[in-house]
Full PDB file with SEQRES, HELIX, SHEET, SSBOND, CRYST1, ORIGX, SCALE, CONECT and MASTER records, all heavy atoms in Angstrom:
SEQRES   1 A   40  ASN ILE PRO LEU THR GLU ARG ASN GLY MET PRO ALA PRO          
SEQRES   2 A   40  THR PHE TYR VAL SER SER ASP ASP LYS GLU LEU VAL ASP          
SEQRES   3 A   40  ARG LEU ILE GLU ILE ARG LYS LYS GLU ASN ILE SER GLN          
SEQRES   4 A   40  SER                                                          
HELIX    1 AA1 ASP A   21  LYS A   34  1                                  14    
SHEET    1 AA1 2 LEU A   4  GLU A   6  0                                        
SHEET    2 AA1 2 PHE A  15  VAL A  17 -1                                        
CRYST1    1.000    1.000    1.000  90.00  90.00  90.00 P 1           1          
ORIGX1      1.000000  0.000000  0.000000        0.00000                         
ORIGX2      0.000000  1.000000  0.000000        0.00000                         
ORIGX3      0.000000  0.000000  1.000000        0.00000                         
SCALE1      1.000000  0.000000  0.000000        0.00000                         
SCALE2      0.000000  1.000000  0.000000        0.00000                         
SCALE3      0.000000  0.000000  1.000000        0.00000                         
ATOM      1  N   ASN A   1       3.276 -11.353 -94.003  1.00  0.00           N  
ATOM      2  CA  ASN A   1       2.127 -11.399 -93.107  1.00  0.00           C  
ATOM      3  C   ASN A   1       2.238 -12.578 -92.135  1.00  0.00           C  
ATOM      4  O   ASN A   1       1.535 -12.615 -91.135  1.00  0.00           O  
ATOM      5  CB  ASN A   1       0.826 -11.507 -93.903  1.00  0.00           C  
ATOM      6  CG  ASN A   1       0.562 -10.259 -94.714  1.00  0.00           C  
ATOM      7  OD1 ASN A   1       0.931  -9.164 -94.316  1.00  0.00           O  
ATOM      8  ND2 ASN A   1      -0.063 -10.427 -95.857  1.00  0.00           N  
ATOM      9  N   ILE A   2       3.083 -13.534 -92.476  1.00  0.00           N  
ATOM     10  CA  ILE A   2       3.363 -14.672 -91.603  1.00  0.00           C  
ATOM     11  C   ILE A   2       4.861 -14.638 -91.319  1.00  0.00           C  
ATOM     12  O   ILE A   2       5.670 -14.829 -92.228  1.00  0.00           O  
ATOM     13  CB  ILE A   2       2.983 -16.018 -92.260  1.00  0.00           C  
ATOM     14  CG1 ILE A   2       1.483 -16.070 -92.557  1.00  0.00           C  
ATOM     15  CG2 ILE A   2       3.390 -17.188 -91.361  1.00  0.00           C  
ATOM     16  CD1 ILE A   2       1.034 -17.317 -93.291  1.00  0.00           C  
ATOM     17  N   PRO A   3       5.244 -14.352 -90.079  1.00  0.00           N  
ATOM     18  CA  PRO A   3       6.674 -14.273 -89.770  1.00  0.00           C  
ATOM     19  C   PRO A   3       7.332 -15.644 -89.755  1.00  0.00           C  
ATOM     20  O   PRO A   3       6.726 -16.636 -89.354  1.00  0.00           O  
ATOM     21  CB  PRO A   3       6.704 -13.637 -88.375  1.00  0.00           C  
ATOM     22  CG  PRO A   3       5.375 -13.966 -87.777  1.00  0.00           C  
ATOM     23  CD  PRO A   3       4.407 -14.062 -88.922  1.00  0.00           C  
ATOM     24  N   LEU A   4       8.575 -15.689 -90.191  1.00  0.00           N  
ATOM     25  CA  LEU A   4       9.354 -16.924 -90.185  1.00  0.00           C  
ATOM     26  C   LEU A   4      10.508 -16.783 -89.212  1.00  0.00           C  
ATOM     27  O   LEU A   4      11.052 -15.699 -89.027  1.00  0.00           O  
ATOM     28  CB  LEU A   4       9.911 -17.220 -91.580  1.00  0.00           C  
ATOM     29  CG  LEU A   4       8.907 -17.541 -92.665  1.00  0.00           C  
ATOM     30  CD1 LEU A   4       9.625 -17.758 -93.991  1.00  0.00           C  
ATOM     31  CD2 LEU A   4       8.085 -18.755 -92.313  1.00  0.00           C  
ATOM     32  N   THR A   5      10.890 -17.895 -88.622  1.00  0.00           N  
ATOM     33  CA  THR A   5      12.032 -17.949 -87.728  1.00  0.00           C  
ATOM     34  C   THR A   5      13.006 -18.967 -88.300  1.00  0.00           C  
ATOM     35  O   THR A   5      12.592 -20.040 -88.742  1.00  0.00           O  
ATOM     36  CB  THR A   5      11.598 -18.380 -86.314  1.00  0.00           C  
ATOM     37  OG1 THR A   5      10.610 -17.452 -85.849  1.00  0.00           O  
ATOM     38  CG2 THR A   5      12.763 -18.416 -85.351  1.00  0.00           C  
ATOM     39  N   GLU A   6      14.290 -18.635 -88.290  1.00  0.00           N  
ATOM     40  CA  GLU A   6      15.273 -19.574 -88.810  1.00  0.00           C  
ATOM     41  C   GLU A   6      15.566 -20.645 -87.772  1.00  0.00           C  
ATOM     42  O   GLU A   6      15.714 -20.367 -86.588  1.00  0.00           O  
ATOM     43  CB  GLU A   6      16.571 -18.859 -89.190  1.00  0.00           C  
ATOM     44  CG  GLU A   6      17.556 -19.794 -89.867  1.00  0.00           C  
ATOM     45  CD  GLU A   6      18.716 -19.065 -90.522  1.00  0.00           C  
ATOM     46  OE1 GLU A   6      18.854 -17.848 -90.343  1.00  0.00           O  
ATOM     47  OE2 GLU A   6      19.482 -19.741 -91.223  1.00  0.00           O  
ATOM     48  N   ARG A   7      15.624 -21.882 -88.220  1.00  0.00           N  
ATOM     49  CA  ARG A   7      15.948 -23.004 -87.343  1.00  0.00           C  
ATOM     50  C   ARG A   7      17.447 -23.247 -87.463  1.00  0.00           C  
ATOM     51  O   ARG A   7      17.956 -23.547 -88.542  1.00  0.00           O  
ATOM     52  CB  ARG A   7      15.159 -24.242 -87.752  1.00  0.00           C  
ATOM     53  CG  ARG A   7      15.477 -25.453 -86.880  1.00  0.00           C  
ATOM     54  CD  ARG A   7      14.436 -26.509 -86.942  1.00  0.00           C  
ATOM     55  NE  ARG A   7      13.261 -26.039 -86.225  1.00  0.00           N  
ATOM     56  CZ  ARG A   7      12.030 -26.439 -86.485  1.00  0.00           C  
ATOM     57  NH1 ARG A   7      11.794 -27.309 -87.414  1.00  0.00           N  
ATOM     58  NH2 ARG A   7      11.004 -25.969 -85.802  1.00  0.00           N  
ATOM     59  N   ASN A   8      18.151 -23.090 -86.357  1.00  0.00           N  
ATOM     60  CA  ASN A   8      19.606 -23.265 -86.339  1.00  0.00           C  
ATOM     61  C   ASN A   8      19.991 -24.740 -86.335  1.00  0.00           C  
ATOM     62  O   ASN A   8      19.206 -25.597 -85.966  1.00  0.00           O  
ATOM     63  CB  ASN A   8      20.196 -22.577 -85.106  1.00  0.00           C  
ATOM     64  CG  ASN A   8      19.983 -21.081 -85.129  1.00  0.00           C  
ATOM     65  OD1 ASN A   8      20.078 -20.459 -86.173  1.00  0.00           O  
ATOM     66  ND2 ASN A   8      19.674 -20.510 -83.984  1.00  0.00           N  
ATOM     67  N   GLY A   9      21.216 -25.010 -86.758  1.00  0.00           N  
ATOM     68  CA  GLY A   9      21.745 -26.373 -86.725  1.00  0.00           C  
ATOM     69  C   GLY A   9      21.307 -27.250 -87.879  1.00  0.00           C  
ATOM     70  O   GLY A   9      21.500 -28.459 -87.841  1.00  0.00           O  
ATOM     71  N   MET A  10      20.724 -26.662 -88.899  1.00  0.00           N  
ATOM     72  CA  MET A  10      20.276 -27.439 -90.050  1.00  0.00           C  
ATOM     73  C   MET A  10      21.335 -27.353 -91.152  1.00  0.00           C  
ATOM     74  O   MET A  10      22.057 -26.362 -91.244  1.00  0.00           O  
ATOM     75  CB  MET A  10      18.940 -26.913 -90.569  1.00  0.00           C  
ATOM     76  CG  MET A  10      17.820 -26.936 -89.532  1.00  0.00           C  
ATOM     77  SD  MET A  10      17.437 -28.569 -88.896  1.00  0.00           S  
ATOM     78  CE  MET A  10      16.585 -29.282 -90.266  1.00  0.00           C  
ATOM     79  N   PRO A  11      21.470 -28.373 -92.008  1.00  0.00           N  
ATOM     80  CA  PRO A  11      22.498 -28.354 -93.048  1.00  0.00           C  
ATOM     81  C   PRO A  11      22.269 -27.269 -94.105  1.00  0.00           C  
ATOM     82  O   PRO A  11      23.207 -26.840 -94.758  1.00  0.00           O  
ATOM     83  CB  PRO A  11      22.415 -29.748 -93.665  1.00  0.00           C  
ATOM     84  CG  PRO A  11      21.113 -30.308 -93.245  1.00  0.00           C  
ATOM     85  CD  PRO A  11      20.716 -29.613 -91.983  1.00  0.00           C  
ATOM     86  N   ALA A  12      21.056 -26.817 -94.249  1.00  0.00           N  
ATOM     87  CA  ALA A  12      20.731 -25.751 -95.204  1.00  0.00           C  
ATOM     88  C   ALA A  12      19.842 -24.747 -94.479  1.00  0.00           C  
ATOM     89  O   ALA A  12      19.227 -25.084 -93.462  1.00  0.00           O  
ATOM     90  CB  ALA A  12      19.998 -26.333 -96.409  1.00  0.00           C  
ATOM     91  N   PRO A  13      19.762 -23.518 -94.973  1.00  0.00           N  
ATOM     92  CA  PRO A  13      18.874 -22.549 -94.324  1.00  0.00           C  
ATOM     93  C   PRO A  13      17.451 -23.100 -94.237  1.00  0.00           C  
ATOM     94  O   PRO A  13      16.869 -23.521 -95.236  1.00  0.00           O  
ATOM     95  CB  PRO A  13      18.942 -21.331 -95.245  1.00  0.00           C  
ATOM     96  CG  PRO A  13      20.239 -21.465 -95.967  1.00  0.00           C  
ATOM     97  CD  PRO A  13      20.456 -22.945 -96.120  1.00  0.00           C  
ATOM     98  N   THR A  14      16.905 -23.150 -93.039  1.00  0.00           N  
ATOM     99  CA  THR A  14      15.586 -23.716 -92.794  1.00  0.00           C  
ATOM    100  C   THR A  14      14.787 -22.732 -91.950  1.00  0.00           C  
ATOM    101  O   THR A  14      15.277 -22.245 -90.943  1.00  0.00           O  
ATOM    102  CB  THR A  14      15.698 -25.066 -92.055  1.00  0.00           C  
ATOM    103  OG1 THR A  14      16.528 -25.937 -92.824  1.00  0.00           O  
ATOM    104  CG2 THR A  14      14.345 -25.704 -91.840  1.00  0.00           C  
ATOM    105  N   PHE A  15      13.568 -22.448 -92.372  1.00  0.00           N  
ATOM    106  CA  PHE A  15      12.720 -21.500 -91.670  1.00  0.00           C  
ATOM    107  C   PHE A  15      11.400 -22.165 -91.316  1.00  0.00           C  
ATOM    108  O   PHE A  15      10.964 -23.098 -91.980  1.00  0.00           O  
ATOM    109  CB  PHE A  15      12.455 -20.265 -92.548  1.00  0.00           C  
ATOM    110  CG  PHE A  15      13.701 -19.501 -92.869  1.00  0.00           C  
ATOM    111  CD1 PHE A  15      14.479 -19.841 -93.957  1.00  0.00           C  
ATOM    112  CD2 PHE A  15      14.111 -18.453 -92.057  1.00  0.00           C  
ATOM    113  CE1 PHE A  15      15.634 -19.144 -94.260  1.00  0.00           C  
ATOM    114  CE2 PHE A  15      15.269 -17.744 -92.344  1.00  0.00           C  
ATOM    115  CZ  PHE A  15      16.037 -18.095 -93.448  1.00  0.00           C  
ATOM    116  N   TYR A  16      10.774 -21.674 -90.260  1.00  0.00           N  
ATOM    117  CA  TYR A  16       9.470 -22.196 -89.874  1.00  0.00           C  
ATOM    118  C   TYR A  16       8.593 -21.062 -89.358  1.00  0.00           C  
ATOM    119  O   TYR A  16       9.091 -20.017 -88.950  1.00  0.00           O  
ATOM    120  CB  TYR A  16       9.602 -23.320 -88.838  1.00  0.00           C  
ATOM    121  CG  TYR A  16      10.178 -22.871 -87.507  1.00  0.00           C  
ATOM    122  CD1 TYR A  16       9.349 -22.586 -86.426  1.00  0.00           C  
ATOM    123  CD2 TYR A  16      11.552 -22.731 -87.324  1.00  0.00           C  
ATOM    124  CE1 TYR A  16       9.879 -22.171 -85.225  1.00  0.00           C  
ATOM    125  CE2 TYR A  16      12.078 -22.326 -86.115  1.00  0.00           C  
ATOM    126  CZ  TYR A  16      11.235 -22.048 -85.068  1.00  0.00           C  
ATOM    127  OH  TYR A  16      11.754 -21.636 -83.865  1.00  0.00           O  
ATOM    128  N   VAL A  17       7.288 -21.285 -89.394  1.00  0.00           N  
ATOM    129  CA  VAL A  17       6.330 -20.313 -88.877  1.00  0.00           C  
ATOM    130  C   VAL A  17       6.269 -20.507 -87.364  1.00  0.00           C  
ATOM    131  O   VAL A  17       6.045 -21.607 -86.881  1.00  0.00           O  
ATOM    132  CB  VAL A  17       4.931 -20.539 -89.504  1.00  0.00           C  
ATOM    133  CG1 VAL A  17       3.916 -19.593 -88.903  1.00  0.00           C  
ATOM    134  CG2 VAL A  17       5.001 -20.393 -91.012  1.00  0.00           C  
ATOM    135  N   SER A  18       6.493 -19.428 -86.627  1.00  0.00           N  
ATOM    136  CA  SER A  18       6.586 -19.586 -85.176  1.00  0.00           C  
ATOM    137  C   SER A  18       5.599 -18.752 -84.392  1.00  0.00           C  
ATOM    138  O   SER A  18       5.597 -18.802 -83.178  1.00  0.00           O  
ATOM    139  CB  SER A  18       7.996 -19.206 -84.729  1.00  0.00           C  
ATOM    140  OG  SER A  18       8.236 -17.839 -84.994  1.00  0.00           O  
ATOM    141  N   SER A  19       4.759 -17.993 -85.042  1.00  0.00           N  
ATOM    142  CA  SER A  19       3.958 -16.992 -84.347  1.00  0.00           C  
ATOM    143  C   SER A  19       3.017 -17.574 -83.293  1.00  0.00           C  
ATOM    144  O   SER A  19       3.334 -17.570 -82.118  1.00  0.00           O  
ATOM    145  CB  SER A  19       3.198 -16.140 -85.350  1.00  0.00           C  
ATOM    146  OG  SER A  19       2.361 -16.952 -86.130  1.00  0.00           O  
ATOM    147  N   ASP A  20       1.870 -18.048 -83.696  1.00  0.00           N  
ATOM    148  CA  ASP A  20       0.853 -18.459 -82.734  1.00  0.00           C  
ATOM    149  C   ASP A  20       0.617 -19.962 -82.724  1.00  0.00           C  
ATOM    150  O   ASP A  20      -0.424 -20.420 -82.272  1.00  0.00           O  
ATOM    151  CB  ASP A  20      -0.465 -17.743 -83.040  1.00  0.00           C  
ATOM    152  CG  ASP A  20      -0.359 -16.240 -82.850  1.00  0.00           C  
ATOM    153  OD1 ASP A  20       0.345 -15.813 -81.928  1.00  0.00           O  
ATOM    154  OD2 ASP A  20      -0.994 -15.510 -83.625  1.00  0.00           O  
ATOM    155  N   ASP A  21       1.579 -20.743 -83.195  1.00  0.00           N  
ATOM    156  CA  ASP A  21       1.329 -22.177 -83.310  1.00  0.00           C  
ATOM    157  C   ASP A  21       1.079 -22.836 -81.960  1.00  0.00           C  
ATOM    158  O   ASP A  21       0.263 -23.734 -81.853  1.00  0.00           O  
ATOM    159  CB  ASP A  21       2.435 -22.882 -84.089  1.00  0.00           C  
ATOM    160  CG  ASP A  21       3.822 -22.716 -83.495  1.00  0.00           C  
ATOM    161  OD1 ASP A  21       4.035 -21.770 -82.721  1.00  0.00           O  
ATOM    162  OD2 ASP A  21       4.697 -23.530 -83.825  1.00  0.00           O  
ATOM    163  N   LYS A  22       1.732 -22.378 -80.901  1.00  0.00           N  
ATOM    164  CA  LYS A  22       1.528 -22.985 -79.577  1.00  0.00           C  
ATOM    165  C   LYS A  22       0.095 -22.755 -79.097  1.00  0.00           C  
ATOM    166  O   LYS A  22      -0.534 -23.656 -78.567  1.00  0.00           O  
ATOM    167  CB  LYS A  22       2.520 -22.400 -78.567  1.00  0.00           C  
ATOM    168  CG  LYS A  22       3.964 -22.492 -79.011  1.00  0.00           C  
ATOM    169  CD  LYS A  22       4.652 -23.706 -78.492  1.00  0.00           C  
ATOM    170  CE  LYS A  22       6.133 -23.675 -78.750  1.00  0.00           C  
ATOM    171  NZ  LYS A  22       6.595 -24.490 -79.814  1.00  0.00           N  
ATOM    172  N   GLU A  23      -0.420 -21.552 -79.300  1.00  0.00           N  
ATOM    173  CA  GLU A  23      -1.789 -21.245 -78.906  1.00  0.00           C  
ATOM    174  C   GLU A  23      -2.783 -22.072 -79.721  1.00  0.00           C  
ATOM    175  O   GLU A  23      -3.775 -22.567 -79.191  1.00  0.00           O  
ATOM    176  CB  GLU A  23      -2.061 -19.753 -79.106  1.00  0.00           C  
ATOM    177  CG  GLU A  23      -3.431 -19.314 -78.635  1.00  0.00           C  
ATOM    178  CD  GLU A  23      -3.650 -17.827 -78.838  1.00  0.00           C  
ATOM    179  OE1 GLU A  23      -2.702 -17.040 -78.673  1.00  0.00           O  
ATOM    180  OE2 GLU A  23      -4.788 -17.468 -79.183  1.00  0.00           O  
ATOM    181  N   LEU A  24      -2.508 -22.244 -81.006  1.00  0.00           N  
ATOM    182  CA  LEU A  24      -3.392 -23.048 -81.857  1.00  0.00           C  
ATOM    183  C   LEU A  24      -3.394 -24.504 -81.416  1.00  0.00           C  
ATOM    184  O   LEU A  24      -4.438 -25.153 -81.387  1.00  0.00           O  
ATOM    185  CB  LEU A  24      -2.967 -22.937 -83.316  1.00  0.00           C  
ATOM    186  CG  LEU A  24      -3.199 -21.584 -83.974  1.00  0.00           C  
ATOM    187  CD1 LEU A  24      -2.552 -21.558 -85.351  1.00  0.00           C  
ATOM    188  CD2 LEU A  24      -4.676 -21.263 -84.060  1.00  0.00           C  
ATOM    189  N   VAL A  25      -2.225 -25.022 -81.059  1.00  0.00           N  
ATOM    190  CA  VAL A  25      -2.143 -26.415 -80.589  1.00  0.00           C  
ATOM    191  C   VAL A  25      -2.887 -26.561 -79.271  1.00  0.00           C  
ATOM    192  O   VAL A  25      -3.601 -27.549 -79.058  1.00  0.00           O  
ATOM    193  CB  VAL A  25      -0.672 -26.880 -80.479  1.00  0.00           C  
ATOM    194  CG1 VAL A  25      -0.583 -28.223 -79.779  1.00  0.00           C  
ATOM    195  CG2 VAL A  25      -0.040 -26.957 -81.855  1.00  0.00           C  
ATOM    196  N   ASP A  26      -2.769 -25.573 -78.371  1.00  0.00           N  
ATOM    197  CA  ASP A  26      -3.519 -25.618 -77.110  1.00  0.00           C  
ATOM    198  C   ASP A  26      -5.017 -25.704 -77.382  1.00  0.00           C  
ATOM    199  O   ASP A  26      -5.735 -26.466 -76.737  1.00  0.00           O  
ATOM    200  CB  ASP A  26      -3.223 -24.387 -76.249  1.00  0.00           C  
ATOM    201  CG  ASP A  26      -1.855 -24.416 -75.609  1.00  0.00           C  
ATOM    202  OD1 ASP A  26      -1.254 -25.508 -75.518  1.00  0.00           O  
ATOM    203  OD2 ASP A  26      -1.381 -23.337 -75.191  1.00  0.00           O  
ATOM    204  N   ARG A  27      -5.477 -24.927 -78.340  1.00  0.00           N  
ATOM    205  CA  ARG A  27      -6.910 -24.932 -78.688  1.00  0.00           C  
ATOM    206  C   ARG A  27      -7.314 -26.278 -79.286  1.00  0.00           C  
ATOM    207  O   ARG A  27      -8.380 -26.812 -78.973  1.00  0.00           O  
ATOM    208  CB  ARG A  27      -7.194 -23.798 -79.673  1.00  0.00           C  
ATOM    209  CG  ARG A  27      -8.625 -23.669 -80.059  1.00  0.00           C  
ATOM    210  CD  ARG A  27      -9.481 -23.104 -78.929  1.00  0.00           C  
ATOM    211  NE  ARG A  27     -10.844 -22.942 -79.429  1.00  0.00           N  
ATOM    212  CZ  ARG A  27     -11.892 -23.607 -78.953  1.00  0.00           C  
ATOM    213  NH1 ARG A  27     -11.766 -24.405 -77.925  1.00  0.00           N  
ATOM    214  NH2 ARG A  27     -13.076 -23.436 -79.477  1.00  0.00           N  
ATOM    215  N   LEU A  28      -6.442 -26.860 -80.102  1.00  0.00           N  
ATOM    216  CA  LEU A  28      -6.711 -28.163 -80.699  1.00  0.00           C  
ATOM    217  C   LEU A  28      -6.837 -29.232 -79.606  1.00  0.00           C  
ATOM    218  O   LEU A  28      -7.746 -30.060 -79.635  1.00  0.00           O  
ATOM    219  CB  LEU A  28      -5.591 -28.525 -81.669  1.00  0.00           C  
ATOM    220  CG  LEU A  28      -5.820 -29.784 -82.467  1.00  0.00           C  
ATOM    221  CD1 LEU A  28      -5.635 -29.494 -83.939  1.00  0.00           C  
ATOM    222  CD2 LEU A  28      -4.859 -30.842 -82.010  1.00  0.00           C  
ATOM    223  N   ILE A  29      -5.933 -29.195 -78.622  1.00  0.00           N  
ATOM    224  CA  ILE A  29      -5.981 -30.157 -77.498  1.00  0.00           C  
ATOM    225  C   ILE A  29      -7.291 -29.996 -76.734  1.00  0.00           C  
ATOM    226  O   ILE A  29      -7.947 -30.980 -76.385  1.00  0.00           O  
ATOM    227  CB  ILE A  29      -4.769 -29.964 -76.563  1.00  0.00           C  
ATOM    228  CG1 ILE A  29      -3.474 -30.303 -77.287  1.00  0.00           C  
ATOM    229  CG2 ILE A  29      -4.922 -30.806 -75.299  1.00  0.00           C  
ATOM    230  CD1 ILE A  29      -2.220 -29.837 -76.557  1.00  0.00           C  
ATOM    231  N   GLU A  30      -7.657 -28.748 -76.480  1.00  0.00           N  
ATOM    232  CA  GLU A  30      -8.902 -28.454 -75.767  1.00  0.00           C  
ATOM    233  C   GLU A  30     -10.101 -29.044 -76.504  1.00  0.00           C  
ATOM    234  O   GLU A  30     -10.982 -29.663 -75.890  1.00  0.00           O  
ATOM    235  CB  GLU A  30      -9.031 -26.936 -75.643  1.00  0.00           C  
ATOM    236  CG  GLU A  30     -10.262 -26.445 -74.927  1.00  0.00           C  
ATOM    237  CD  GLU A  30     -10.307 -24.917 -74.936  1.00  0.00           C  
ATOM    238  OE1 GLU A  30      -9.301 -24.275 -74.600  1.00  0.00           O  
ATOM    239  OE2 GLU A  30     -11.376 -24.382 -75.299  1.00  0.00           O  
ATOM    240  N   ILE A  31     -10.131 -28.879 -77.802  1.00  0.00           N  
ATOM    241  CA  ILE A  31     -11.234 -29.417 -78.616  1.00  0.00           C  
ATOM    242  C   ILE A  31     -11.244 -30.938 -78.556  1.00  0.00           C  
ATOM    243  O   ILE A  31     -12.294 -31.558 -78.364  1.00  0.00           O  
ATOM    244  CB  ILE A  31     -11.127 -28.925 -80.071  1.00  0.00           C  
ATOM    245  CG1 ILE A  31     -11.399 -27.423 -80.148  1.00  0.00           C  
ATOM    246  CG2 ILE A  31     -12.082 -29.699 -80.983  1.00  0.00           C  
ATOM    247  CD1 ILE A  31     -11.027 -26.796 -81.485  1.00  0.00           C  
ATOM    248  N   ARG A  32     -10.071 -31.564 -78.721  1.00  0.00           N  
ATOM    249  CA  ARG A  32     -10.000 -33.033 -78.704  1.00  0.00           C  
ATOM    250  C   ARG A  32     -10.529 -33.586 -77.386  1.00  0.00           C  
ATOM    251  O   ARG A  32     -11.327 -34.526 -77.361  1.00  0.00           O  
ATOM    252  CB  ARG A  32      -8.554 -33.508 -78.924  1.00  0.00           C  
ATOM    253  CG  ARG A  32      -8.417 -35.037 -78.882  1.00  0.00           C  
ATOM    254  CD  ARG A  32      -6.997 -35.509 -78.994  1.00  0.00           C  
ATOM    255  NE  ARG A  32      -6.134 -35.127 -77.898  1.00  0.00           N  
ATOM    256  CZ  ARG A  32      -6.127 -35.694 -76.690  1.00  0.00           C  
ATOM    257  NH1 ARG A  32      -6.981 -36.666 -76.404  1.00  0.00           N  
ATOM    258  NH2 ARG A  32      -5.283 -35.295 -75.759  1.00  0.00           N  
ATOM    259  N   LYS A  33     -10.111 -32.955 -76.290  1.00  0.00           N  
ATOM    260  CA  LYS A  33     -10.542 -33.433 -74.967  1.00  0.00           C  
ATOM    261  C   LYS A  33     -12.034 -33.179 -74.751  1.00  0.00           C  
ATOM    262  O   LYS A  33     -12.728 -34.022 -74.183  1.00  0.00           O  
ATOM    263  CB  LYS A  33      -9.708 -32.775 -73.878  1.00  0.00           C  
ATOM    264  CG  LYS A  33      -8.278 -33.305 -73.861  1.00  0.00           C  
ATOM    265  CD  LYS A  33      -7.446 -32.660 -72.781  1.00  0.00           C  
ATOM    266  CE  LYS A  33      -6.048 -33.267 -72.754  1.00  0.00           C  
ATOM    267  NZ  LYS A  33      -5.212 -32.660 -71.714  1.00  0.00           N  
ATOM    268  N   LYS A  34     -12.524 -32.026 -75.204  1.00  0.00           N  
ATOM    269  CA  LYS A  34     -13.950 -31.706 -75.063  1.00  0.00           C  
ATOM    270  C   LYS A  34     -14.809 -32.711 -75.827  1.00  0.00           C  
ATOM    271  O   LYS A  34     -15.875 -33.111 -75.367  1.00  0.00           O  
ATOM    272  CB  LYS A  34     -14.220 -30.286 -75.566  1.00  0.00           C  
ATOM    273  CG  LYS A  34     -15.671 -29.843 -75.393  1.00  0.00           C  
ATOM    274  CD  LYS A  34     -15.889 -28.461 -75.938  1.00  0.00           C  
ATOM    275  CE  LYS A  34     -16.296 -28.643 -77.381  1.00  0.00           C  
ATOM    276  NZ  LYS A  34     -16.681 -27.454 -78.083  1.00  0.00           N  
ATOM    277  N   GLU A  35     -14.307 -33.140 -76.985  1.00  0.00           N  
ATOM    278  CA  GLU A  35     -15.027 -34.119 -77.809  1.00  0.00           C  
ATOM    279  C   GLU A  35     -14.824 -35.553 -77.303  1.00  0.00           C  
ATOM    280  O   GLU A  35     -15.341 -36.502 -77.879  1.00  0.00           O  
ATOM    281  CB  GLU A  35     -14.587 -34.011 -79.269  1.00  0.00           C  
ATOM    282  CG  GLU A  35     -14.879 -32.662 -79.914  1.00  0.00           C  
ATOM    283  CD  GLU A  35     -16.357 -32.396 -80.105  1.00  0.00           C  
ATOM    284  OE1 GLU A  35     -17.127 -33.356 -80.307  1.00  0.00           O  
ATOM    285  OE2 GLU A  35     -16.740 -31.215 -80.054  1.00  0.00           O  
ATOM    286  N   ASN A  36     -14.003 -35.687 -76.240  1.00  0.00           N  
ATOM    287  CA  ASN A  36     -13.734 -36.996 -75.627  1.00  0.00           C  
ATOM    288  C   ASN A  36     -13.133 -37.988 -76.628  1.00  0.00           C  
ATOM    289  O   ASN A  36     -13.551 -39.138 -76.726  1.00  0.00           O  
ATOM    290  CB  ASN A  36     -15.002 -37.565 -74.978  1.00  0.00           C  
ATOM    291  CG  ASN A  36     -14.678 -38.617 -73.938  1.00  0.00           C  
ATOM    292  OD1 ASN A  36     -13.620 -38.579 -73.309  1.00  0.00           O  
ATOM    293  ND2 ASN A  36     -15.581 -39.559 -73.750  1.00  0.00           N  
ATOM    294  N   ILE A  37     -12.141 -37.493 -77.379  1.00  0.00           N  
ATOM    295  CA  ILE A  37     -11.446 -38.316 -78.369  1.00  0.00           C  
ATOM    296  C   ILE A  37     -10.015 -38.516 -77.895  1.00  0.00           C  
ATOM    297  O   ILE A  37      -9.319 -37.553 -77.555  1.00  0.00           O  
ATOM    298  CB  ILE A  37     -11.469 -37.636 -79.754  1.00  0.00           C  
ATOM    299  CG1 ILE A  37     -12.913 -37.501 -80.247  1.00  0.00           C  
ATOM    300  CG2 ILE A  37     -10.625 -38.397 -80.765  1.00  0.00           C  
ATOM    301  CD1 ILE A  37     -13.066 -36.679 -81.511  1.00  0.00           C  
ATOM    302  N   SER A  38      -9.568 -39.762 -77.859  1.00  0.00           N  
ATOM    303  CA  SER A  38      -8.195 -40.052 -77.426  1.00  0.00           C  
ATOM    304  C   SER A  38      -7.214 -39.709 -78.546  1.00  0.00           C  
ATOM    305  O   SER A  38      -7.601 -39.553 -79.711  1.00  0.00           O  
ATOM    306  CB  SER A  38      -8.056 -41.530 -77.057  1.00  0.00           C  
ATOM    307  OG  SER A  38      -8.127 -42.329 -78.221  1.00  0.00           O  
ATOM    308  N   GLN A  39      -5.945 -39.621 -78.178  1.00  0.00           N  
ATOM    309  CA  GLN A  39      -4.911 -39.401 -79.187  1.00  0.00           C  
ATOM    310  C   GLN A  39      -4.913 -40.533 -80.207  1.00  0.00           C  
ATOM    311  O   GLN A  39      -4.758 -40.288 -81.410  1.00  0.00           O  
ATOM    312  CB  GLN A  39      -3.530 -39.284 -78.529  1.00  0.00           C  
ATOM    313  CG  GLN A  39      -3.303 -38.000 -77.783  1.00  0.00           C  
ATOM    314  CD  GLN A  39      -1.906 -37.920 -77.188  1.00  0.00           C  
ATOM    315  OE1 GLN A  39      -1.152 -38.900 -77.150  1.00  0.00           O  
ATOM    316  NE2 GLN A  39      -1.552 -36.733 -76.712  1.00  0.00           N  
ATOM    317  N   SER A  40      -5.092 -41.750 -79.749  1.00  0.00           N  
ATOM    318  CA  SER A  40      -5.114 -42.908 -80.659  1.00  0.00           C  
ATOM    319  C   SER A  40      -6.279 -42.826 -81.637  1.00  0.00           C  
ATOM    320  O   SER A  40      -6.116 -43.102 -82.825  1.00  0.00           O  
ATOM    321  CB  SER A  40      -5.207 -44.214 -79.871  1.00  0.00           C  
ATOM    322  OG  SER A  40      -4.048 -44.398 -79.100  1.00  0.00           O  
TER     323      SER A  40                                                      
MASTER        0    0    0    1    2    0    0    6  322    1    0    4          
END                                                                             
């Protein structure tokens, strides 16, 4: 139900979740800025 993508160039087989993480991070940034909270 959660697709994995293999990360190349690693010493052992390594997989990561790649589906909608970019969209989720965009939403997180939007929330942080709306709440007027700095990265620090």
